[in-house]
């Protein structure tokens, strides 16, 4: 157990049942005004990452040139359409994730992977800093075989560098992209709506101990 939360992802039979109704998203992106449910525009691509508290992770990506739209949600567990309160129990199996729509003519998927690896500590298992639980695990969720291959190659590169620097094993999971469930409106672009809000990711929070150029 992690501070009263499960240390492992529950099975479908153990997980909370969830619901058939999707989370109602009524507000556009707080910064761009774009509809969060917009389809991926022609010529653009999508990516999904889990790096800890999704408030700070989303801020990292909306500040990245070439990113067209960001949104936060839940993925990687068996509970359909969970709520934030349910995810926080650890009994949905979901990770807090950010879905990114980006222009590959401006920023490549490899560049997004660099942002991912260097924006958090991928050696911490089921936590990031003071945030503990399965919802804070490190994860890359690939939308096609090319993304998965790139993610696995980048994990090998960072794992080698971290090991050489004396850090522990990389715990990042890499899987095919599971269903993405929107988080509630209040959580979308949270740190833009609440500039004084705290999140351990981004700014002075948790980050990778070394970069590719180290």
N, C-alpha and C. Protein backbone atom coordinates (compact mmCIF):
# COMPACT_ATOMS: atom_id res chain seq x y z
N UNK A 1 0.84 -1.20 0.00
CA UNK A 1 0.00 0.00 0.00
C UNK A 1 0.88 1.25 0.00
N UNK A 2 0.41 2.32 -0.66
CA UNK A 2 1.10 3.61 -0.68
C UNK A 2 0.21 4.63 0.02
N UNK A 3 0.52 4.90 1.32
CA UNK A 3 -0.26 5.87 2.08
C UNK A 3 -1.75 5.56 1.97
N UNK A 4 -2.11 4.29 2.15
CA UNK A 4 -3.49 3.88 2.11
C UNK A 4 -4.04 3.59 0.73
N UNK A 5 -3.24 3.80 -0.32
CA UNK A 5 -3.67 3.51 -1.68
C UNK A 5 -3.02 2.22 -2.17
N UNK A 6 -3.65 1.52 -3.11
CA UNK A 6 -3.02 0.32 -3.66
C UNK A 6 -1.69 0.66 -4.33
N UNK A 7 -0.74 -0.25 -4.22
CA UNK A 7 0.57 -0.06 -4.85
C UNK A 7 0.61 -0.69 -6.24
N UNK A 8 -0.46 -1.39 -6.60
CA UNK A 8 -0.53 -2.02 -7.92
C UNK A 8 -1.86 -1.65 -8.58
N UNK A 9 -1.93 -1.84 -9.88
CA UNK A 9 -3.14 -1.50 -10.63
C UNK A 9 -4.18 -2.60 -10.42
N UNK A 10 -5.40 -2.26 -10.03
CA UNK A 10 -6.41 -3.29 -9.79
C UNK A 10 -6.82 -3.99 -11.08
N UNK A 11 -7.24 -5.22 -10.96
CA UNK A 11 -7.80 -5.93 -12.10
C UNK A 11 -9.20 -5.40 -12.38
N UNK A 12 -9.77 -5.80 -13.50
CA UNK A 12 -11.11 -5.35 -13.85
C UNK A 12 -12.12 -5.74 -12.79
N UNK A 13 -11.96 -6.93 -12.23
CA UNK A 13 -12.91 -7.38 -11.21
C UNK A 13 -12.73 -6.64 -9.89
N UNK A 14 -11.53 -6.14 -9.63
CA UNK A 14 -11.26 -5.40 -8.39
C UNK A 14 -11.58 -3.92 -8.50
N UNK A 15 -11.55 -3.36 -9.73
CA UNK A 15 -11.66 -1.93 -9.94
C UNK A 15 -13.08 -1.42 -9.71
N UNK A 16 -13.19 -0.13 -9.47
CA UNK A 16 -14.50 0.50 -9.37
C UNK A 16 -15.25 0.36 -10.69
N UNK A 17 -16.59 0.29 -10.65
CA UNK A 17 -17.34 -0.02 -11.87
C UNK A 17 -17.41 1.11 -12.88
N UNK A 18 -17.29 2.37 -12.43
CA UNK A 18 -17.39 3.48 -13.37
C UNK A 18 -18.81 3.65 -13.88
N UNK A 19 -18.92 4.13 -15.14
CA UNK A 19 -20.23 4.45 -15.69
C UNK A 19 -20.17 4.49 -17.19
N UNK A 20 -21.32 4.46 -17.84
CA UNK A 20 -21.39 4.53 -19.30
C UNK A 20 -21.35 5.96 -19.81
N UNK A 21 -21.69 6.93 -18.97
CA UNK A 21 -21.80 8.32 -19.38
C UNK A 21 -20.43 8.99 -19.41
N UNK A 22 -20.10 9.64 -20.53
CA UNK A 22 -18.84 10.36 -20.64
C UNK A 22 -18.87 11.64 -19.80
N UNK A 23 -17.69 12.08 -19.39
CA UNK A 23 -17.57 13.31 -18.64
C UNK A 23 -18.03 14.48 -19.51
N UNK A 24 -18.97 15.31 -19.05
CA UNK A 24 -19.39 16.47 -19.85
C UNK A 24 -18.31 17.55 -19.86
N UNK A 25 -17.83 17.89 -21.02
CA UNK A 25 -16.83 18.95 -21.16
C UNK A 25 -17.53 20.14 -21.79
N UNK A 26 -17.70 21.20 -21.01
CA UNK A 26 -18.51 22.34 -21.47
C UNK A 26 -17.68 23.57 -21.80
N UNK A 27 -16.40 23.56 -21.44
CA UNK A 27 -15.57 24.75 -21.62
C UNK A 27 -14.49 24.50 -22.67
N UNK A 28 -14.18 25.51 -23.49
CA UNK A 28 -13.07 25.36 -24.43
C UNK A 28 -11.73 25.47 -23.71
N UNK A 29 -10.65 25.24 -24.43
CA UNK A 29 -9.32 25.41 -23.86
C UNK A 29 -9.19 26.83 -23.33
N UNK A 30 -8.77 26.95 -22.08
CA UNK A 30 -8.76 28.25 -21.40
C UNK A 30 -7.86 29.26 -22.09
N UNK A 31 -6.79 28.80 -22.72
CA UNK A 31 -5.83 29.71 -23.35
C UNK A 31 -6.09 29.93 -24.83
N UNK A 32 -6.40 28.87 -25.57
CA UNK A 32 -6.56 29.01 -27.02
C UNK A 32 -8.00 29.19 -27.47
N UNK A 33 -8.95 28.82 -26.61
CA UNK A 33 -10.35 28.90 -26.99
C UNK A 33 -10.80 27.75 -27.89
N UNK A 34 -9.92 26.80 -28.16
CA UNK A 34 -10.27 25.69 -29.04
C UNK A 34 -11.11 24.66 -28.28
N UNK A 35 -11.99 23.98 -29.01
CA UNK A 35 -12.83 22.94 -28.44
C UNK A 35 -11.95 21.74 -28.06
N UNK A 36 -12.03 21.32 -26.81
CA UNK A 36 -11.19 20.20 -26.36
C UNK A 36 -11.54 18.90 -27.06
N UNK A 37 -12.74 18.82 -27.60
CA UNK A 37 -13.16 17.61 -28.30
C UNK A 37 -12.92 17.70 -29.81
N UNK A 38 -12.13 18.70 -30.22
CA UNK A 38 -11.82 18.84 -31.64
C UNK A 38 -11.14 17.59 -32.18
N UNK A 39 -11.50 17.15 -33.39
CA UNK A 39 -10.75 16.06 -34.01
C UNK A 39 -9.33 16.51 -34.32
N UNK A 40 -8.44 15.56 -34.49
CA UNK A 40 -7.06 15.89 -34.84
C UNK A 40 -7.07 16.48 -36.26
N UNK A 41 -6.64 17.73 -36.42
CA UNK A 41 -6.66 18.34 -37.76
C UNK A 41 -5.76 17.60 -38.74
N UNK A 42 -6.10 17.69 -40.00
CA UNK A 42 -5.28 17.07 -41.03
C UNK A 42 -3.85 17.58 -40.96
N UNK A 43 -2.92 16.67 -41.01
CA UNK A 43 -1.51 17.02 -40.96
C UNK A 43 -0.94 17.07 -39.55
N UNK A 44 -1.80 17.00 -38.54
CA UNK A 44 -1.32 16.99 -37.16
C UNK A 44 -1.39 15.58 -36.60
N UNK A 45 -0.76 15.38 -35.45
CA UNK A 45 -0.71 14.08 -34.80
C UNK A 45 -1.03 14.24 -33.32
N UNK A 46 -1.22 13.12 -32.63
CA UNK A 46 -1.52 13.16 -31.21
C UNK A 46 -0.55 12.29 -30.43
N UNK A 47 -0.41 12.62 -29.15
CA UNK A 47 0.46 11.87 -28.24
C UNK A 47 -0.19 11.88 -26.87
N UNK A 48 0.22 10.94 -26.02
CA UNK A 48 -0.32 10.88 -24.66
C UNK A 48 0.79 10.49 -23.69
N UNK A 49 0.85 11.24 -22.57
CA UNK A 49 1.90 11.02 -21.58
C UNK A 49 1.35 11.10 -20.17
N UNK A 50 1.94 10.30 -19.27
CA UNK A 50 1.72 10.41 -17.84
C UNK A 50 3.04 10.71 -17.16
N UNK A 51 3.07 11.78 -16.36
CA UNK A 51 4.33 12.24 -15.76
C UNK A 51 4.15 12.69 -14.31
N UNK A 52 3.05 12.30 -13.70
CA UNK A 52 2.74 12.81 -12.37
C UNK A 52 1.52 13.72 -12.45
N UNK A 53 1.41 14.64 -11.51
CA UNK A 53 0.26 15.57 -11.45
C UNK A 53 -0.01 16.21 -12.79
N UNK A 54 -1.20 15.98 -13.35
CA UNK A 54 -1.44 16.43 -14.72
C UNK A 54 -1.60 17.94 -14.86
N UNK A 55 -1.80 18.65 -13.76
CA UNK A 55 -1.87 20.12 -13.86
C UNK A 55 -0.55 20.69 -14.40
N UNK A 56 0.55 20.30 -13.76
CA UNK A 56 1.85 20.82 -14.19
C UNK A 56 2.31 20.25 -15.50
N UNK A 57 1.98 18.98 -15.75
CA UNK A 57 2.38 18.36 -17.02
C UNK A 57 1.72 19.08 -18.19
N UNK A 58 0.43 19.39 -18.04
CA UNK A 58 -0.25 20.09 -19.14
C UNK A 58 0.40 21.44 -19.40
N UNK A 59 0.78 22.15 -18.35
CA UNK A 59 1.42 23.46 -18.53
C UNK A 59 2.73 23.32 -19.29
N UNK A 60 3.51 22.27 -19.00
CA UNK A 60 4.75 22.05 -19.75
C UNK A 60 4.45 21.95 -21.24
N UNK A 61 3.42 21.19 -21.59
CA UNK A 61 3.16 20.95 -23.01
C UNK A 61 2.46 22.12 -23.69
N UNK A 62 1.56 22.84 -23.01
CA UNK A 62 0.95 23.97 -23.73
C UNK A 62 1.96 25.09 -23.97
N UNK A 63 3.05 25.09 -23.22
CA UNK A 63 4.11 26.07 -23.44
C UNK A 63 5.16 25.60 -24.45
N UNK A 64 4.96 24.43 -25.03
CA UNK A 64 5.92 23.87 -25.98
C UNK A 64 5.54 24.27 -27.40
N UNK A 65 6.40 24.99 -28.13
CA UNK A 65 6.08 25.38 -29.52
C UNK A 65 5.76 24.17 -30.38
N UNK A 66 4.73 24.31 -31.19
CA UNK A 66 4.31 23.22 -32.06
C UNK A 66 3.14 22.42 -31.51
N UNK A 67 2.83 22.62 -30.23
CA UNK A 67 1.67 21.95 -29.63
C UNK A 67 0.43 22.78 -29.91
N UNK A 68 -0.58 22.18 -30.53
CA UNK A 68 -1.79 22.87 -30.96
C UNK A 68 -2.88 22.85 -29.90
N UNK A 69 -2.95 21.76 -29.15
CA UNK A 69 -4.01 21.64 -28.14
C UNK A 69 -3.57 20.64 -27.07
N UNK A 70 -3.94 20.92 -25.83
CA UNK A 70 -3.67 20.01 -24.72
C UNK A 70 -4.97 19.78 -23.95
N UNK A 71 -5.05 18.62 -23.31
CA UNK A 71 -6.20 18.31 -22.45
C UNK A 71 -5.76 17.26 -21.45
N UNK A 72 -6.37 17.28 -20.27
CA UNK A 72 -6.01 16.31 -19.23
C UNK A 72 -7.12 15.30 -19.05
N UNK A 73 -6.71 14.11 -18.61
CA UNK A 73 -7.69 13.05 -18.41
C UNK A 73 -7.07 11.86 -17.72
N UNK A 74 -7.75 10.74 -17.87
CA UNK A 74 -7.38 9.51 -17.19
C UNK A 74 -7.26 8.38 -18.21
N UNK A 75 -6.26 7.52 -18.04
CA UNK A 75 -6.04 6.42 -18.98
C UNK A 75 -5.23 5.33 -18.30
N UNK A 76 -5.36 4.12 -18.81
CA UNK A 76 -4.52 3.03 -18.36
C UNK A 76 -5.12 2.11 -17.34
N UNK A 77 -6.39 2.33 -16.97
CA UNK A 77 -7.05 1.46 -16.01
C UNK A 77 -8.35 0.90 -16.55
N UNK A 78 -8.96 -0.03 -15.85
CA UNK A 78 -10.16 -0.70 -16.37
C UNK A 78 -11.48 0.02 -16.12
N UNK A 79 -11.52 1.04 -15.26
CA UNK A 79 -12.77 1.71 -14.92
C UNK A 79 -13.20 2.68 -16.02
N UNK A 80 -14.39 2.52 -16.62
CA UNK A 80 -14.82 3.44 -17.67
C UNK A 80 -15.33 4.76 -17.08
N UNK A 81 -14.93 5.87 -17.73
CA UNK A 81 -15.43 7.20 -17.38
C UNK A 81 -15.33 7.51 -15.89
N UNK A 82 -14.13 7.43 -15.32
CA UNK A 82 -13.98 7.67 -13.89
C UNK A 82 -14.05 9.16 -13.56
N UNK A 83 -14.28 9.44 -12.29
CA UNK A 83 -14.18 10.80 -11.78
C UNK A 83 -12.82 10.99 -11.12
N UNK A 84 -12.46 12.23 -10.86
CA UNK A 84 -11.20 12.52 -10.19
C UNK A 84 -11.16 11.85 -8.81
N UNK A 85 -12.25 11.95 -8.06
CA UNK A 85 -12.28 11.34 -6.73
C UNK A 85 -12.04 9.83 -6.80
N UNK A 86 -12.62 9.20 -7.82
CA UNK A 86 -12.43 7.76 -7.97
C UNK A 86 -10.98 7.43 -8.33
N UNK A 87 -10.40 8.19 -9.23
CA UNK A 87 -9.01 7.95 -9.61
C UNK A 87 -8.09 8.09 -8.40
N UNK A 88 -8.38 9.07 -7.55
CA UNK A 88 -7.54 9.32 -6.38
C UNK A 88 -7.56 8.17 -5.37
N UNK A 89 -8.56 7.31 -5.43
CA UNK A 89 -8.59 6.17 -4.51
C UNK A 89 -7.59 5.09 -4.91
N UNK A 90 -7.12 5.13 -6.15
CA UNK A 90 -6.25 4.08 -6.66
C UNK A 90 -7.01 2.86 -7.14
N UNK A 91 -8.35 2.91 -7.08
CA UNK A 91 -9.14 1.73 -7.41
C UNK A 91 -9.76 1.79 -8.82
N UNK A 92 -9.26 2.69 -9.65
CA UNK A 92 -9.64 2.69 -11.07
C UNK A 92 -8.51 2.18 -11.95
N UNK A 93 -7.29 2.24 -11.43
CA UNK A 93 -6.11 1.83 -12.19
C UNK A 93 -5.61 2.87 -13.17
N UNK A 94 -6.28 4.02 -13.22
CA UNK A 94 -5.92 5.01 -14.22
C UNK A 94 -4.73 5.87 -13.80
N UNK A 95 -4.04 6.36 -14.80
CA UNK A 95 -2.97 7.32 -14.65
C UNK A 95 -3.53 8.70 -14.97
N UNK A 96 -2.99 9.75 -14.35
CA UNK A 96 -3.30 11.11 -14.76
C UNK A 96 -2.46 11.40 -16.01
N UNK A 97 -3.12 11.69 -17.12
CA UNK A 97 -2.40 11.84 -18.39
C UNK A 97 -2.74 13.16 -19.06
N UNK A 98 -1.87 13.54 -19.98
CA UNK A 98 -2.12 14.68 -20.86
C UNK A 98 -2.11 14.19 -22.30
N UNK A 99 -3.16 14.52 -23.01
CA UNK A 99 -3.23 14.23 -24.45
C UNK A 99 -2.85 15.49 -25.19
N UNK A 100 -1.94 15.34 -26.14
CA UNK A 100 -1.34 16.46 -26.86
C UNK A 100 -1.62 16.31 -28.35
N UNK A 101 -2.11 17.37 -28.97
CA UNK A 101 -2.23 17.41 -30.43
C UNK A 101 -1.16 18.37 -30.92
N UNK A 102 -0.31 17.89 -31.84
CA UNK A 102 0.86 18.69 -32.22
C UNK A 102 1.07 18.69 -33.73
N UNK A 103 1.81 19.69 -34.17
CA UNK A 103 2.14 19.84 -35.58
C UNK A 103 3.53 19.26 -35.82
N UNK A 104 3.66 18.13 -36.49
CA UNK A 104 4.97 17.51 -36.67
C UNK A 104 5.90 18.31 -37.57
N UNK A 105 5.36 19.31 -38.27
CA UNK A 105 6.21 20.19 -39.06
C UNK A 105 6.95 21.19 -38.17
N UNK A 106 6.46 21.36 -36.94
CA UNK A 106 7.06 22.31 -36.01
C UNK A 106 7.82 21.59 -34.90
N UNK A 107 7.24 20.51 -34.39
CA UNK A 107 7.90 19.74 -33.34
C UNK A 107 7.70 18.25 -33.63
N UNK A 108 8.75 17.50 -33.57
CA UNK A 108 8.67 16.06 -33.86
C UNK A 108 8.24 15.29 -32.62
N UNK A 109 7.83 14.05 -32.83
CA UNK A 109 7.50 13.18 -31.69
C UNK A 109 8.74 12.94 -30.83
N UNK A 110 9.89 12.81 -31.46
CA UNK A 110 11.13 12.65 -30.69
C UNK A 110 11.37 13.85 -29.78
N UNK A 111 11.05 15.05 -30.27
CA UNK A 111 11.20 16.25 -29.43
C UNK A 111 10.22 16.22 -28.26
N UNK A 112 9.00 15.74 -28.50
CA UNK A 112 8.04 15.61 -27.40
C UNK A 112 8.54 14.60 -26.37
N UNK A 113 9.17 13.54 -26.85
CA UNK A 113 9.74 12.56 -25.92
C UNK A 113 10.82 13.20 -25.05
N UNK A 114 11.61 14.07 -25.64
CA UNK A 114 12.62 14.77 -24.83
C UNK A 114 11.95 15.61 -23.74
N UNK A 115 10.87 16.31 -24.10
CA UNK A 115 10.12 17.08 -23.10
C UNK A 115 9.60 16.15 -22.01
N UNK A 116 9.09 15.01 -22.41
CA UNK A 116 8.59 14.02 -21.45
C UNK A 116 9.68 13.59 -20.48
N UNK A 117 10.80 13.09 -21.01
CA UNK A 117 11.83 12.54 -20.14
C UNK A 117 12.44 13.59 -19.22
N UNK A 118 12.61 14.79 -19.74
CA UNK A 118 13.30 15.81 -18.96
C UNK A 118 12.35 16.64 -18.11
N UNK A 119 11.03 16.34 -18.17
CA UNK A 119 10.06 17.08 -17.38
C UNK A 119 9.68 16.39 -16.08
N UNK A 120 10.21 15.19 -15.82
CA UNK A 120 9.89 14.49 -14.59
C UNK A 120 11.00 13.48 -14.30
N UNK A 121 10.89 12.81 -13.16
CA UNK A 121 11.86 11.78 -12.80
C UNK A 121 11.23 10.42 -13.11
N UNK A 122 11.73 9.71 -14.12
CA UNK A 122 11.10 8.46 -14.54
C UNK A 122 11.55 7.24 -13.75
N UNK A 123 12.19 7.44 -12.61
CA UNK A 123 12.71 6.32 -11.82
C UNK A 123 11.95 6.10 -10.52
N UNK A 124 10.83 6.76 -10.34
CA UNK A 124 10.20 6.78 -9.01
C UNK A 124 9.06 5.79 -8.83
N UNK A 125 8.73 5.01 -9.83
CA UNK A 125 7.66 4.03 -9.65
C UNK A 125 6.30 4.69 -9.56
N UNK A 126 5.53 4.32 -8.56
CA UNK A 126 4.16 4.79 -8.43
C UNK A 126 4.09 6.10 -7.66
N UNK A 127 4.91 7.06 -8.08
CA UNK A 127 4.85 8.39 -7.46
C UNK A 127 5.66 9.37 -8.29
N UNK A 128 5.46 10.66 -7.99
CA UNK A 128 6.35 11.72 -8.44
C UNK A 128 6.50 12.67 -7.27
N UNK A 129 7.70 12.71 -6.71
CA UNK A 129 7.94 13.57 -5.56
C UNK A 129 7.02 13.20 -4.41
N UNK A 130 6.28 14.21 -3.89
CA UNK A 130 5.39 13.97 -2.77
C UNK A 130 4.05 13.38 -3.18
N UNK A 131 3.77 13.32 -4.47
CA UNK A 131 2.52 12.75 -4.97
C UNK A 131 2.70 11.24 -5.11
N UNK A 132 1.93 10.49 -4.35
CA UNK A 132 2.11 9.05 -4.30
C UNK A 132 0.84 8.32 -4.69
N UNK A 133 0.98 7.28 -5.50
CA UNK A 133 -0.16 6.49 -5.94
C UNK A 133 0.01 6.11 -7.40
N UNK A 134 -0.77 5.12 -7.82
CA UNK A 134 -0.64 4.62 -9.19
C UNK A 134 -1.02 5.66 -10.23
N UNK A 135 -1.78 6.67 -9.86
CA UNK A 135 -2.18 7.71 -10.81
C UNK A 135 -1.03 8.64 -11.20
N UNK A 136 0.09 8.53 -10.48
CA UNK A 136 1.24 9.41 -10.74
C UNK A 136 2.40 8.67 -11.41
N UNK A 137 2.14 7.51 -11.96
CA UNK A 137 3.22 6.74 -12.58
C UNK A 137 3.64 7.35 -13.91
N UNK A 138 4.85 7.02 -14.31
CA UNK A 138 5.41 7.50 -15.58
C UNK A 138 4.94 6.59 -16.71
N UNK A 139 4.40 7.19 -17.78
CA UNK A 139 3.90 6.37 -18.87
C UNK A 139 3.88 7.08 -20.21
N UNK A 140 4.16 6.34 -21.27
CA UNK A 140 4.04 6.81 -22.64
C UNK A 140 3.04 5.90 -23.33
N UNK A 141 2.04 6.50 -23.97
CA UNK A 141 0.95 5.74 -24.58
C UNK A 141 0.93 6.04 -26.07
N UNK A 142 1.34 5.06 -26.85
CA UNK A 142 1.65 5.25 -28.27
C UNK A 142 0.42 5.04 -29.15
N UNK A 143 0.27 5.92 -30.14
CA UNK A 143 -0.86 5.85 -31.06
C UNK A 143 -0.58 5.04 -32.32
N UNK A 144 0.67 4.66 -32.53
CA UNK A 144 0.99 3.83 -33.68
C UNK A 144 2.33 3.15 -33.43
N UNK A 145 2.69 2.16 -34.27
CA UNK A 145 3.94 1.44 -34.04
C UNK A 145 5.18 2.34 -34.09
N UNK A 146 5.17 3.36 -34.92
CA UNK A 146 6.34 4.25 -34.99
C UNK A 146 6.53 4.98 -33.67
N UNK A 147 5.44 5.47 -33.07
CA UNK A 147 5.56 6.12 -31.77
C UNK A 147 6.07 5.14 -30.71
N UNK A 148 5.57 3.93 -30.74
CA UNK A 148 5.99 2.95 -29.74
C UNK A 148 7.47 2.63 -29.86
N UNK A 149 7.94 2.47 -31.11
CA UNK A 149 9.36 2.18 -31.33
C UNK A 149 10.22 3.35 -30.86
N UNK A 150 9.79 4.58 -31.16
CA UNK A 150 10.54 5.76 -30.74
C UNK A 150 10.57 5.87 -29.22
N UNK A 151 9.44 5.58 -28.58
CA UNK A 151 9.37 5.64 -27.13
C UNK A 151 10.30 4.62 -26.49
N UNK A 152 10.31 3.41 -27.02
CA UNK A 152 11.17 2.36 -26.46
C UNK A 152 12.64 2.68 -26.66
N UNK A 153 12.98 3.24 -27.81
CA UNK A 153 14.37 3.63 -28.06
C UNK A 153 14.80 4.74 -27.11
N UNK A 154 13.92 5.70 -26.90
CA UNK A 154 14.27 6.81 -26.01
C UNK A 154 14.38 6.32 -24.57
N UNK A 155 13.53 5.38 -24.17
CA UNK A 155 13.64 4.83 -22.82
C UNK A 155 14.99 4.16 -22.62
N UNK A 156 15.45 3.42 -23.61
CA UNK A 156 16.75 2.77 -23.50
C UNK A 156 17.87 3.79 -23.35
N UNK A 157 17.78 4.88 -24.11
CA UNK A 157 18.81 5.91 -24.04
C UNK A 157 18.85 6.56 -22.67
N UNK A 158 17.68 6.95 -22.16
CA UNK A 158 17.65 7.61 -20.86
C UNK A 158 17.99 6.64 -19.73
N UNK A 159 17.56 5.40 -19.84
CA UNK A 159 17.88 4.42 -18.80
C UNK A 159 19.39 4.23 -18.68
N UNK A 160 20.07 4.19 -19.82
CA UNK A 160 21.53 4.03 -19.81
C UNK A 160 22.21 5.22 -19.15
N UNK A 161 21.78 6.43 -19.53
CA UNK A 161 22.38 7.62 -18.96
C UNK A 161 22.13 7.71 -17.45
N UNK A 162 20.91 7.40 -17.05
CA UNK A 162 20.58 7.46 -15.62
C UNK A 162 21.37 6.42 -14.83
N UNK A 163 21.49 5.23 -15.38
CA UNK A 163 22.27 4.19 -14.70
C UNK A 163 23.72 4.60 -14.55
N UNK A 164 24.28 5.16 -15.62
CA UNK A 164 25.68 5.60 -15.57
C UNK A 164 25.88 6.71 -14.54
N UNK A 165 24.82 7.48 -14.29
CA UNK A 165 24.90 8.58 -13.32
C UNK A 165 24.57 8.13 -11.90
N UNK A 166 24.26 6.83 -11.74
CA UNK A 166 24.04 6.29 -10.41
C UNK A 166 22.59 6.30 -9.95
N UNK A 167 21.67 6.54 -10.86
CA UNK A 167 20.25 6.55 -10.49
C UNK A 167 19.64 5.17 -10.68
N UNK A 168 18.42 5.00 -10.14
CA UNK A 168 17.76 3.72 -10.20
C UNK A 168 17.18 3.41 -11.57
N UNK A 169 16.51 2.28 -11.66
CA UNK A 169 15.94 1.82 -12.92
C UNK A 169 14.77 2.70 -13.35
N UNK A 170 14.65 2.90 -14.65
CA UNK A 170 13.51 3.62 -15.21
C UNK A 170 12.27 2.74 -15.06
N UNK A 171 11.18 3.32 -14.56
CA UNK A 171 9.95 2.57 -14.32
C UNK A 171 8.84 2.93 -15.30
N UNK A 172 9.16 3.71 -16.31
CA UNK A 172 8.16 4.18 -17.28
C UNK A 172 7.51 3.02 -18.02
N UNK A 173 6.18 2.99 -18.04
CA UNK A 173 5.47 2.00 -18.84
C UNK A 173 5.24 2.56 -20.24
N UNK A 174 5.37 1.71 -21.25
CA UNK A 174 5.11 2.08 -22.64
C UNK A 174 4.11 1.07 -23.19
N UNK A 175 2.93 1.56 -23.56
CA UNK A 175 1.89 0.69 -24.08
C UNK A 175 1.20 1.37 -25.27
N UNK A 176 0.42 0.59 -25.99
CA UNK A 176 -0.47 1.19 -26.99
C UNK A 176 -1.44 2.11 -26.26
N UNK A 177 -1.84 3.20 -26.91
CA UNK A 177 -2.70 4.18 -26.27
C UNK A 177 -4.03 3.55 -25.86
N UNK A 178 -4.35 3.58 -24.57
CA UNK A 178 -5.65 3.07 -24.11
C UNK A 178 -6.72 4.14 -24.30
N UNK A 179 -7.96 3.84 -24.01
CA UNK A 179 -8.99 4.88 -24.07
C UNK A 179 -8.63 6.07 -23.19
N UNK A 180 -8.90 7.26 -23.68
CA UNK A 180 -8.67 8.51 -22.95
C UNK A 180 -10.00 9.00 -22.43
N UNK A 181 -10.07 9.19 -21.11
CA UNK A 181 -11.29 9.72 -20.48
C UNK A 181 -11.01 11.13 -19.99
N UNK A 182 -11.80 12.09 -20.44
CA UNK A 182 -11.59 13.48 -20.03
C UNK A 182 -11.72 13.63 -18.52
N UNK A 183 -10.83 14.46 -17.95
CA UNK A 183 -11.01 14.92 -16.58
C UNK A 183 -12.05 16.05 -16.57
N UNK A 184 -12.54 16.35 -15.41
CA UNK A 184 -13.55 17.38 -15.25
C UNK A 184 -13.07 18.74 -15.73
N UNK A 185 -14.02 19.61 -16.08
CA UNK A 185 -13.69 20.96 -16.56
C UNK A 185 -12.72 21.68 -15.63
N UNK A 186 -12.92 21.55 -14.32
CA UNK A 186 -12.08 22.27 -13.36
C UNK A 186 -10.61 21.93 -13.50
N UNK A 187 -10.30 20.71 -13.95
CA UNK A 187 -8.91 20.28 -14.05
C UNK A 187 -8.26 20.68 -15.37
N UNK A 188 -9.04 21.04 -16.37
CA UNK A 188 -8.47 21.42 -17.66
C UNK A 188 -7.76 22.77 -17.52
N UNK A 189 -6.48 22.82 -17.91
CA UNK A 189 -5.68 24.05 -17.86
C UNK A 189 -5.73 24.69 -16.47
N UNK A 190 -5.66 23.82 -15.47
CA UNK A 190 -5.86 24.26 -14.09
C UNK A 190 -4.91 25.39 -13.68
N UNK A 191 -3.64 25.27 -14.05
CA UNK A 191 -2.67 26.27 -13.59
C UNK A 191 -2.73 27.58 -14.38
N UNK A 192 -3.46 27.59 -15.50
CA UNK A 192 -3.75 28.86 -16.17
C UNK A 192 -4.92 29.55 -15.48
N UNK A 193 -5.88 28.77 -15.04
CA UNK A 193 -7.04 29.33 -14.33
C UNK A 193 -6.69 29.71 -12.89
N UNK A 194 -5.71 29.00 -12.33
CA UNK A 194 -5.31 29.20 -10.93
C UNK A 194 -3.80 29.38 -10.87
N UNK A 195 -3.29 30.56 -11.25
CA UNK A 195 -1.83 30.75 -11.36
C UNK A 195 -1.07 30.49 -10.07
N UNK A 196 -1.74 30.63 -8.92
CA UNK A 196 -1.06 30.40 -7.65
C UNK A 196 -1.17 28.94 -7.21
N UNK A 197 -1.81 28.11 -8.02
CA UNK A 197 -1.99 26.71 -7.65
C UNK A 197 -0.67 25.97 -7.62
N UNK A 198 -0.59 24.95 -6.76
CA UNK A 198 0.65 24.19 -6.61
C UNK A 198 0.57 22.88 -7.39
N UNK A 199 1.66 22.53 -8.04
CA UNK A 199 1.84 21.22 -8.61
C UNK A 199 3.31 20.90 -8.57
N UNK A 200 3.65 19.67 -8.21
CA UNK A 200 5.05 19.29 -8.08
C UNK A 200 5.76 19.07 -9.40
N UNK A 201 5.03 19.11 -10.52
CA UNK A 201 5.64 18.92 -11.83
C UNK A 201 5.69 20.25 -12.55
N UNK A 202 6.84 20.54 -13.17
CA UNK A 202 7.01 21.80 -13.88
C UNK A 202 7.51 22.87 -12.93
N UNK A 203 8.06 23.92 -13.47
CA UNK A 203 8.58 24.99 -12.62
C UNK A 203 9.73 24.50 -11.78
N UNK A 204 9.57 24.57 -10.46
CA UNK A 204 10.64 24.13 -9.54
C UNK A 204 10.36 22.72 -9.02
N UNK A 205 9.45 22.01 -9.64
CA UNK A 205 9.10 20.67 -9.17
C UNK A 205 10.02 19.59 -9.67
N UNK A 206 9.52 18.35 -9.66
CA UNK A 206 10.31 17.18 -10.03
C UNK A 206 10.70 17.23 -11.50
N UNK A 207 11.92 16.87 -11.81
CA UNK A 207 12.35 16.77 -13.21
C UNK A 207 13.41 15.68 -13.31
N UNK A 208 13.69 15.29 -14.54
CA UNK A 208 14.67 14.24 -14.76
C UNK A 208 16.04 14.69 -14.24
N UNK A 209 16.77 13.82 -13.52
CA UNK A 209 18.07 14.21 -12.99
C UNK A 209 19.09 14.58 -14.06
N UNK A 210 18.95 14.01 -15.28
CA UNK A 210 19.91 14.32 -16.33
C UNK A 210 19.16 14.48 -17.64
N UNK A 211 19.77 15.17 -18.60
CA UNK A 211 19.22 15.28 -19.94
C UNK A 211 20.08 14.55 -20.94
N UNK A 212 19.60 14.46 -22.14
CA UNK A 212 20.35 13.77 -23.18
C UNK A 212 21.72 14.39 -23.42
N UNK A 213 21.81 15.70 -23.20
CA UNK A 213 23.07 16.37 -23.46
C UNK A 213 24.02 16.34 -22.26
N UNK A 214 23.55 15.74 -21.15
CA UNK A 214 24.38 15.74 -19.93
C UNK A 214 25.61 14.88 -20.11
